[in-house]
C-alpha cells in the first residue's frame, strides 16, 4: 500500500478503495472532520464521535504526541477498569 491512505467512511467511495497522494493537497490545513457512529452500532447505545483535525508540518508532530498520550491514558484506564458483566 505504501504512501496511500484508505478511508472506508469517505462518501462517494467504496470501503477499502485506495486514494493516491494527490488527495492530501485538496484538504486545507485546519479542517476538522466529524463522524458520529449510529447508536445502534455501539455497545449499550454508547454515543461515539470521531473528530479528525487536518494539520501538517511541526503542528502535526505536536498533535501526534498529544494523541499518543491520550491513547496511553485510555489504555491505562481500561486496564484498571475491566468490563462489567451484563445485567440480567
PDB file of N, CA and C in Angstrom:
ATOM      1  N   UNK A   1       0.825  -1.186   0.000  1.00  0.00           N
ATOM      2  CA  UNK A   1       0.000   0.000   0.000  1.00  0.00           C
ATOM      3  C   UNK A   1       0.868   1.249   0.000  1.00  0.00           C
ATOM      4  N   UNK A   2       2.025   1.247   0.622  1.00  0.00           N
ATOM      5  CA  UNK A   2       2.938   2.370   0.530  1.00  0.00           C
ATOM      6  C   UNK A   2       2.425   3.644   1.165  1.00  0.00           C
ATOM      7  N   UNK A   3       2.508   4.774   0.413  1.00  0.00           N
ATOM      8  CA  UNK A   3       2.101   6.077   0.927  1.00  0.00           C
ATOM      9  C   UNK A   3       0.650   6.414   0.618  1.00  0.00           C
ATOM     10  N   UNK A   4      -0.159   5.416   0.334  1.00  0.00           N
ATOM     11  CA  UNK A   4      -1.565   5.668   0.045  1.00  0.00           C
ATOM     12  C   UNK A   4      -2.387   5.470   1.300  1.00  0.00           C
ATOM     13  N   UNK A   5      -3.553   6.108   1.336  1.00  0.00           N
ATOM     14  CA  UNK A   5      -4.431   6.013   2.504  1.00  0.00           C
ATOM     15  C   UNK A   5      -5.748   5.366   2.108  1.00  0.00           C
ATOM     16  N   UNK A   6      -6.398   4.746   3.070  1.00  0.00           N
ATOM     17  CA  UNK A   6      -7.696   4.126   2.846  1.00  0.00           C
ATOM     18  C   UNK A   6      -8.690   4.775   3.792  1.00  0.00           C
ATOM     19  N   UNK A   7      -9.823   5.243   3.263  1.00  0.00           N
ATOM     20  CA  UNK A   7     -10.856   5.879   4.056  1.00  0.00           C
ATOM     21  C   UNK A   7     -12.166   5.159   3.828  1.00  0.00           C
ATOM     22  N   UNK A   8     -12.484   4.133   4.640  1.00  0.00           N
ATOM     23  CA  UNK A   8     -13.701   3.358   4.398  1.00  0.00           C
ATOM     24  C   UNK A   8     -14.972   4.158   4.590  1.00  0.00           C
ATOM     25  N   UNK A   9     -14.958   5.264   5.336  1.00  0.00           N
ATOM     26  CA  UNK A   9     -16.163   6.047   5.587  1.00  0.00           C
ATOM     27  C   UNK A   9     -16.334   7.206   4.598  1.00  0.00           C
ATOM     28  N   UNK A  10     -15.382   7.418   3.722  1.00  0.00           N
ATOM     29  CA  UNK A  10     -15.462   8.562   2.811  1.00  0.00           C
ATOM     30  C   UNK A  10     -16.650   8.411   1.871  1.00  0.00           C
ATOM     31  N   UNK A  11     -17.457   9.458   1.762  1.00  0.00           N
ATOM     32  CA  UNK A  11     -18.642   9.381   0.920  1.00  0.00           C
ATOM     33  C   UNK A  11     -18.249   9.356  -0.550  1.00  0.00           C
ATOM     34  N   UNK A  12     -19.031   8.623  -1.329  1.00  0.00           N
ATOM     35  CA  UNK A  12     -18.780   8.561  -2.761  1.00  0.00           C
ATOM     36  C   UNK A  12     -17.734   7.530  -3.160  1.00  0.00           C
ATOM     37  N   UNK A  13     -17.188   6.812  -2.197  1.00  0.00           N
ATOM     38  CA  UNK A  13     -16.188   5.803  -2.498  1.00  0.00           C
ATOM     39  C   UNK A  13     -16.556   4.515  -1.781  1.00  0.00           C
ATOM     40  N   UNK A  14     -16.131   3.420  -2.352  1.00  0.00           N
ATOM     41  CA  UNK A  14     -16.408   2.112  -1.769  1.00  0.00           C
ATOM     42  C   UNK A  14     -15.443   1.831  -0.623  1.00  0.00           C
ATOM     43  N   UNK A  15     -15.894   1.084   0.410  1.00  0.00           N
ATOM     44  CA  UNK A  15     -14.988   0.721   1.500  1.00  0.00           C
ATOM     45  C   UNK A  15     -13.745   0.033   0.967  1.00  0.00           C
ATOM     46  N   UNK A  16     -12.589   0.428   1.486  1.00  0.00           N
ATOM     47  CA  UNK A  16     -11.332  -0.180   1.077  1.00  0.00           C
ATOM     48  C   UNK A  16     -10.736   0.428  -0.174  1.00  0.00           C
ATOM     49  N   UNK A  17     -11.437   1.357  -0.820  1.00  0.00           N
ATOM     50  CA  UNK A  17     -10.896   1.980  -2.025  1.00  0.00           C
ATOM     51  C   UNK A  17      -9.699   2.837  -1.649  1.00  0.00           C
ATOM     52  N   UNK A  18      -8.629   2.738  -2.419  1.00  0.00           N
ATOM     53  CA  UNK A  18      -7.417   3.481  -2.101  1.00  0.00           C
ATOM     54  C   UNK A  18      -7.395   4.834  -2.803  1.00  0.00           C
ATOM     55  N   UNK A  19      -6.781   5.802  -2.129  1.00  0.00           N
ATOM     56  CA  UNK A  19      -6.616   7.146  -2.665  1.00  0.00           C
ATOM     57  C   UNK A  19      -5.136   7.363  -2.939  1.00  0.00           C
ATOM     58  N   UNK A  20      -4.829   8.093  -3.986  1.00  0.00           N
ATOM     59  CA  UNK A  20      -3.450   8.435  -4.281  1.00  0.00           C
ATOM     60  C   UNK A  20      -3.008   9.607  -3.418  1.00  0.00           C
ATOM     61  N   UNK A  21      -1.768  10.028  -3.568  1.00  0.00           N
ATOM     62  CA  UNK A  21      -1.223  11.123  -2.757  1.00  0.00           C
ATOM     63  C   UNK A  21      -1.850  12.475  -3.073  1.00  0.00           C
ATOM     64  N   UNK A  22      -2.452  12.639  -4.242  1.00  0.00           N
ATOM     65  CA  UNK A  22      -2.991  13.945  -4.640  1.00  0.00           C
ATOM     66  C   UNK A  22      -4.127  14.425  -3.748  1.00  0.00           C
ATOM     67  N   UNK A  23      -4.836  13.534  -3.036  1.00  0.00           N
ATOM     68  CA  UNK A  23      -5.952  13.953  -2.188  1.00  0.00           C
ATOM     69  C   UNK A  23      -5.483  14.857  -1.057  1.00  0.00           C
ATOM     70  N   UNK A  24      -4.216  14.701  -0.613  1.00  0.00           N
ATOM     71  CA  UNK A  24      -3.707  15.461   0.531  1.00  0.00           C
ATOM     72  C   UNK A  24      -3.745  16.964   0.297  1.00  0.00           C
ATOM     73  N   UNK A  25      -3.498  17.406  -0.910  1.00  0.00           N
ATOM     74  CA  UNK A  25      -3.468  18.848  -1.178  1.00  0.00           C
ATOM     75  C   UNK A  25      -4.866  19.438  -1.325  1.00  0.00           C
ATOM     76  N   UNK A  26      -5.905  18.608  -1.359  1.00  0.00           N
ATOM     77  CA  UNK A  26      -7.264  19.118  -1.524  1.00  0.00           C
ATOM     78  C   UNK A  26      -7.935  19.463  -0.199  1.00  0.00           C
ATOM     79  N   UNK A  27      -7.359  19.069   0.923  1.00  0.00           N
ATOM     80  CA  UNK A  27      -7.933  19.362   2.235  1.00  0.00           C
ATOM     81  C   UNK A  27      -7.070  20.418   2.907  1.00  0.00           C
ATOM     82  N   UNK A  28      -7.621  21.618   3.151  1.00  0.00           N
ATOM     83  CA  UNK A  28      -6.811  22.671   3.764  1.00  0.00           C
ATOM     84  C   UNK A  28      -6.441  22.343   5.212  1.00  0.00           C
ATOM     85  N   UNK A  29      -5.237  22.753   5.618  1.00  0.00           N
ATOM     86  CA  UNK A  29      -4.810  22.561   6.995  1.00  0.00           C
ATOM     87  C   UNK A  29      -5.762  23.307   7.920  1.00  0.00           C
ATOM     88  N   UNK A  30      -6.087  22.696   9.050  1.00  0.00           N
ATOM     89  CA  UNK A  30      -7.028  23.303   9.990  1.00  0.00           C
ATOM     90  C   UNK A  30      -8.445  22.784   9.837  1.00  0.00           C
ATOM     91  N   UNK A  31      -8.698  22.004   8.787  1.00  0.00           N
ATOM     92  CA  UNK A  31     -10.025  21.428   8.575  1.00  0.00           C
ATOM     93  C   UNK A  31     -10.324  20.416   9.674  1.00  0.00           C
ATOM     94  N   UNK A  32     -11.558  20.421  10.180  1.00  0.00           N
ATOM     95  CA  UNK A  32     -11.986  19.443  11.169  1.00  0.00           C
ATOM     96  C   UNK A  32     -13.123  18.629  10.564  1.00  0.00           C
ATOM     97  N   UNK A  33     -12.945  17.300  10.543  1.00  0.00           N
ATOM     98  CA  UNK A  33     -13.964  16.388  10.038  1.00  0.00           C
ATOM     99  C   UNK A  33     -14.560  15.658  11.232  1.00  0.00           C
ATOM    100  N   UNK A  34     -15.874  15.469  11.263  1.00  0.00           N
ATOM    101  CA  UNK A  34     -16.529  14.762  12.364  1.00  0.00           C
ATOM    102  C   UNK A  34     -17.406  13.658  11.803  1.00  0.00           C
ATOM    103  N   UNK A  35     -17.447  12.541  12.524  1.00  0.00           N
ATOM    104  CA  UNK A  35     -18.262  11.414  12.111  1.00  0.00           C
ATOM    105  C   UNK A  35     -18.884  10.811  13.357  1.00  0.00           C
ATOM    106  N   UNK A  36     -20.202  10.706  13.401  1.00  0.00           N
ATOM    107  CA  UNK A  36     -20.924  10.112  14.519  1.00  0.00           C
ATOM    108  C   UNK A  36     -21.329   8.688  14.163  1.00  0.00           C
ATOM    109  N   UNK A  37     -21.005   7.742  15.058  1.00  0.00           N
ATOM    110  CA  UNK A  37     -21.465   6.367  14.856  1.00  0.00           C
ATOM    111  C   UNK A  37     -22.935   6.282  15.226  1.00  0.00           C
ATOM    112  N   UNK A  38     -23.652   5.429  14.537  1.00  0.00           N
ATOM    113  CA  UNK A  38     -25.049   5.183  14.843  1.00  0.00           C
ATOM    114  C   UNK A  38     -25.135   4.509  16.207  1.00  0.00           C
ATOM    115  N   UNK A  39     -26.007   5.005  17.101  1.00  0.00           N
ATOM    116  CA  UNK A  39     -26.137   4.444  18.450  1.00  0.00           C
ATOM    117  C   UNK A  39     -26.428   2.953  18.433  1.00  0.00           C
ATOM    118  N   UNK A  40     -27.122   2.466  17.399  1.00  0.00           N
ATOM    119  CA  UNK A  40     -27.456   1.043  17.337  1.00  0.00           C
ATOM    120  C   UNK A  40     -26.234   0.187  17.010  1.00  0.00           C
ATOM    121  N   UNK A  41     -25.140   0.791  16.560  1.00  0.00           N
ATOM    122  CA  UNK A  41     -23.938   0.049  16.204  1.00  0.00           C
ATOM    123  C   UNK A  41     -22.892   0.052  17.311  1.00  0.00           C
ATOM    124  N   UNK A  42     -23.215   0.628  18.463  1.00  0.00           N
ATOM    125  CA  UNK A  42     -22.240   0.732  19.541  1.00  0.00           C
ATOM    126  C   UNK A  42     -22.700  -0.063  20.754  1.00  0.00           C
ATOM    127  N   UNK A  43     -21.762  -0.496  21.589  1.00  0.00           N
ATOM    128  CA  UNK A  43     -22.151  -1.295  22.758  1.00  0.00           C
ATOM    129  C   UNK A  43     -22.997  -0.493  23.740  1.00  0.00           C
ATOM    130  N   UNK A  44     -24.151  -1.011  24.072  1.00  0.00           N
ATOM    131  CA  UNK A  44     -25.016  -0.353  25.052  1.00  0.00           C
ATOM    132  C   UNK A  44     -25.543   0.993  24.618  1.00  0.00           C
ATOM    133  N   UNK A  45     -25.548   1.265  23.331  1.00  0.00           N
ATOM    134  CA  UNK A  45     -26.039   2.552  22.853  1.00  0.00           C
ATOM    135  C   UNK A  45     -25.096   3.708  23.147  1.00  0.00           C
ATOM    136  N   UNK A  46     -23.830   3.402  23.435  1.00  0.00           N
ATOM    137  CA  UNK A  46     -22.828   4.418  23.727  1.00  0.00           C
ATOM    138  C   UNK A  46     -22.704   5.373  22.542  1.00  0.00           C
ATOM    139  N   UNK A  47     -22.664   6.662  22.818  1.00  0.00           N
ATOM    140  CA  UNK A  47     -22.503   7.640  21.742  1.00  0.00           C
ATOM    141  C   UNK A  47     -21.025   7.781  21.425  1.00  0.00           C
ATOM    142  N   UNK A  48     -20.672   7.595  20.155  1.00  0.00           N
ATOM    143  CA  UNK A  48     -19.279   7.657  19.724  1.00  0.00           C
ATOM    144  C   UNK A  48     -19.157   8.663  18.592  1.00  0.00           C
ATOM    145  N   UNK A  49     -18.197   9.571  18.721  1.00  0.00           N
ATOM    146  CA  UNK A  49     -17.952  10.567  17.689  1.00  0.00           C
ATOM    147  C   UNK A  49     -16.459  10.632  17.422  1.00  0.00           C
ATOM    148  N   UNK A  50     -16.102  10.576  16.150  1.00  0.00           N
ATOM    149  CA  UNK A  50     -14.719  10.757  15.737  1.00  0.00           C
ATOM    150  C   UNK A  50     -14.566  12.189  15.258  1.00  0.00           C
ATOM    151  N   UNK A  51     -13.519  12.853  15.694  1.00  0.00           N
ATOM    152  CA  UNK A  51     -13.204  14.194  15.216  1.00  0.00           C
ATOM    153  C   UNK A  51     -11.780  14.139  14.680  1.00  0.00           C
ATOM    154  N   UNK A  52     -11.621  14.531  13.430  1.00  0.00           N
ATOM    155  CA  UNK A  52     -10.312  14.467  12.780  1.00  0.00           C
ATOM    156  C   UNK A  52      -9.906  15.880  12.382  1.00  0.00           C
ATOM    157  N   UNK A  53      -8.750  16.316  12.882  1.00  0.00           N
ATOM    158  CA  UNK A  53      -8.219  17.639  12.556  1.00  0.00           C
ATOM    159  C   UNK A  53      -7.080  17.445  11.560  1.00  0.00           C
ATOM    160  N   UNK A  54      -7.137  18.142  10.457  1.00  0.00           N
ATOM    161  CA  UNK A  54      -6.120  18.026   9.416  1.00  0.00           C
ATOM    162  C   UNK A  54      -5.051  19.089   9.664  1.00  0.00           C
ATOM    163  N   UNK A  55      -3.811  18.645   9.917  1.00  0.00           N
ATOM    164  CA  UNK A  55      -2.688  19.558  10.128  1.00  0.00           C
ATOM    165  C   UNK A  55      -1.453  18.978   9.450  1.00  0.00           C
ATOM    166  N   UNK A  56      -0.467  19.819   9.224  1.00  0.00           N
ATOM    167  CA  UNK A  56       0.773  19.354   8.608  1.00  0.00           C
ATOM    168  C   UNK A  56       1.955  20.043   9.268  1.00  0.00           C
ATOM    169  N   UNK A  57       3.136  19.596   8.927  1.00  0.00           N
ATOM    170  CA  UNK A  57       4.360  20.204   9.436  1.00  0.00           C
ATOM    171  C   UNK A  57       4.567  19.974  10.923  1.00  0.00           C
ATOM    172  N   UNK A  58       5.243  20.912  11.593  1.00  0.00           N
ATOM    173  CA  UNK A  58       5.539  20.767  13.021  1.00  0.00           C
ATOM    174  C   UNK A  58       4.284  20.624  13.873  1.00  0.00           C
ATOM    175  N   UNK A  59       3.198  21.281  13.467  1.00  0.00           N
ATOM    176  CA  UNK A  59       1.950  21.168  14.223  1.00  0.00           C
ATOM    177  C   UNK A  59       1.453  19.723  14.227  1.00  0.00           C
ATOM    178  N   UNK A  60       1.636  19.011  13.135  1.00  0.00           N
ATOM    179  CA  UNK A  60       1.215  17.611  13.059  1.00  0.00           C
ATOM    180  C   UNK A  60       1.975  16.766  14.073  1.00  0.00           C
ATOM    181  N   UNK A  61       3.259  17.034  14.245  1.00  0.00           N
ATOM    182  CA  UNK A  61       4.052  16.307  15.235  1.00  0.00           C
ATOM    183  C   UNK A  61       3.542  16.535  16.647  1.00  0.00           C
ATOM    184  N   UNK A  62       3.149  17.772  16.947  1.00  0.00           N
ATOM    185  CA  UNK A  62       2.607  18.077  18.274  1.00  0.00           C
ATOM    186  C   UNK A  62       1.280  17.343  18.496  1.00  0.00           C
ATOM    187  N   UNK A  63       0.429  17.315  17.465  1.00  0.00           N
ATOM    188  CA  UNK A  63      -0.846  16.611  17.588  1.00  0.00           C
ATOM    189  C   UNK A  63      -0.628  15.110  17.719  1.00  0.00           C
ATOM    190  N   UNK A  64       0.358  14.561  17.015  1.00  0.00           N
ATOM    191  CA  UNK A  64       0.666  13.128  17.138  1.00  0.00           C
ATOM    192  C   UNK A  64       1.052  12.794  18.574  1.00  0.00           C
ATOM    193  N   UNK A  65       1.896  13.626  19.190  1.00  0.00           N
ATOM    194  CA  UNK A  65       2.329  13.382  20.568  1.00  0.00           C
ATOM    195  C   UNK A  65       1.144  13.480  21.522  1.00  0.00           C
ATOM    196  N   UNK A  66       0.279  14.469  21.299  1.00  0.00           N
ATOM    197  CA  UNK A  66      -0.907  14.641  22.156  1.00  0.00           C
ATOM    198  C   UNK A  66      -1.830  13.427  22.039  1.00  0.00           C
ATOM    199  N   UNK A  67      -2.033  12.960  20.813  1.00  0.00           N
ATOM    200  CA  UNK A  67      -2.889  11.798  20.589  1.00  0.00           C
ATOM    201  C   UNK A  67      -2.290  10.551  21.227  1.00  0.00           C
ATOM    202  N   UNK A  68      -0.984  10.355  21.079  1.00  0.00           N
ATOM    203  CA  UNK A  68      -0.330   9.184  21.664  1.00  0.00           C
ATOM    204  C   UNK A  68      -0.498   9.190  23.185  1.00  0.00           C
ATOM    205  N   UNK A  69      -0.370  10.347  23.826  1.00  0.00           N
ATOM    206  CA  UNK A  69      -0.542  10.442  25.274  1.00  0.00           C
ATOM    207  C   UNK A  69      -1.984  10.124  25.669  1.00  0.00           C
ATOM    208  N   UNK A  70      -2.956  10.616  24.911  1.00  0.00           N
ATOM    209  CA  UNK A  70      -4.368  10.342  25.210  1.00  0.00           C
ATOM    210  C   UNK A  70      -4.673   8.854  25.072  1.00  0.00           C
ATOM    211  N   UNK A  71      -4.135   8.215  24.041  1.00  0.00           N
ATOM    212  CA  UNK A  71      -4.350   6.778  23.846  1.00  0.00           C
ATOM    213  C   UNK A  71      -3.714   5.999  24.990  1.00  0.00           C
ATOM    214  N   UNK A  72      -2.518   6.403  25.401  1.00  0.00           N
ATOM    215  CA  UNK A  72      -1.839   5.746  26.517  1.00  0.00           C
ATOM    216  C   UNK A  72      -2.678   5.852  27.791  1.00  0.00           C
ATOM    217  N   UNK A  73      -3.206   7.043  28.079  1.00  0.00           N
ATOM    218  CA  UNK A  73      -4.053   7.237  29.261  1.00  0.00           C
ATOM    219  C   UNK A  73      -5.308   6.370  29.194  1.00  0.00           C
ATOM    220  N   UNK A  74      -5.931   6.298  28.024  1.00  0.00           N
ATOM    221  CA  UNK A  74      -7.123   5.467  27.862  1.00  0.00           C
ATOM    222  C   UNK A  74      -6.813   4.001  28.117  1.00  0.00           C
ATOM    223  N   UNK A  75      -5.720   3.505  27.549  1.00  0.00           N
ATOM    224  CA  UNK A  75      -5.356   2.104  27.737  1.00  0.00           C
ATOM    225  C   UNK A  75      -5.033   1.805  29.200  1.00  0.00           C
ATOM    226  N   UNK A  76      -4.375   2.743  29.890  1.00  0.00           N
ATOM    227  CA  UNK A  76      -4.095   2.549  31.311  1.00  0.00           C
ATOM    228  C   UNK A  76      -5.394   2.503  32.107  1.00  0.00           C
ATOM    229  N   UNK A  77      -6.320   3.411  31.804  1.00  0.00           N
ATOM    230  CA  UNK A  77      -7.619   3.426  32.492  1.00  0.00           C
ATOM    231  C   UNK A  77      -8.362   2.122  32.237  1.00  0.00           C
ATOM    232  N   UNK A  78      -8.394   1.689  30.979  1.00  0.00           N
ATOM    233  CA  UNK A  78      -9.124   0.466  30.620  1.00  0.00           C
ATOM    234  C   UNK A  78      -8.537  -0.757  31.317  1.00  0.00           C
ATOM    235  N   UNK A  79      -7.234  -0.786  31.496  1.00  0.00           N
ATOM    236  CA  UNK A  79      -6.621  -1.933  32.170  1.00  0.00           C
ATOM    237  C   UNK A  79      -6.958  -1.953  33.662  1.00  0.00           C
ATOM    238  N   UNK A  80      -7.244  -0.799  34.261  1.00  0.00           N
ATOM    239  CA  UNK A  80      -7.626  -0.724  35.674  1.00  0.00           C
ATOM    240  C   UNK A  80      -9.122  -0.913  35.881  1.00  0.00           C
ATOM    241  N   UNK A  81      -9.926  -0.817  34.819  1.00  0.00           N
ATOM    242  CA  UNK A  81     -11.383  -0.922  34.909  1.00  0.00           C
ATOM    243  C   UNK A  81     -11.888  -1.987  33.941  1.00  0.00           C
ATOM    244  N   UNK A  82     -11.816  -3.265  34.353  1.00  0.00           N
ATOM    245  CA  UNK A  82     -12.276  -4.328  33.442  1.00  0.00           C
ATOM    246  C   UNK A  82     -13.766  -4.188  33.149  1.00  0.00           C
ATOM    247  N   UNK A  83     -14.211  -4.699  32.013  1.00  0.00           N
ATOM    248  CA  UNK A  83     -15.633  -4.598  31.656  1.00  0.00           C
ATOM    249  C   UNK A  83     -16.510  -5.289  32.693  1.00  0.00           C
ATOM    250  N   UNK A  84     -17.649  -4.712  32.952  1.00  0.00           N
ATOM    251  CA  UNK A  84     -18.613  -5.323  33.875  1.00  0.00           C
ATOM    252  C   UNK A  84     -19.452  -6.343  33.125  1.00  0.00           C
ATOM    253  N   UNK A  85     -19.826  -7.419  33.848  1.00  0.00           N
ATOM    254  CA  UNK A  85     -20.718  -8.383  33.184  1.00  0.00           C
ATOM    255  C   UNK A  85     -22.086  -7.726  32.928  1.00  0.00           C
ATOM    256  N   UNK A  86     -22.770  -8.122  31.856  1.00  0.00           N
ATOM    257  CA  UNK A  86     -24.077  -7.531  31.560  1.00  0.00           C
ATOM    258  C   UNK A  86     -25.085  -7.830  32.665  1.00  0.00           C
ATOM    259  N   UNK A  87     -25.965  -6.881  32.906  1.00  0.00           N
ATOM    260  CA  UNK A  87     -27.031  -7.083  33.903  1.00  0.00           C
ATOM    261  C   UNK A  87     -28.091  -8.016  33.350  1.00  0.00           C
ATOM    262  N   UNK A  88     -28.619  -8.839  34.226  1.00  0.00           N
ATOM    263  CA  UNK A  88     -29.631  -9.818  33.790  1.00  0.00           C
ATOM    264  C   UNK A  88     -30.998  -9.199  33.696  1.00  0.00           C
TER     265      UNK A  88
END
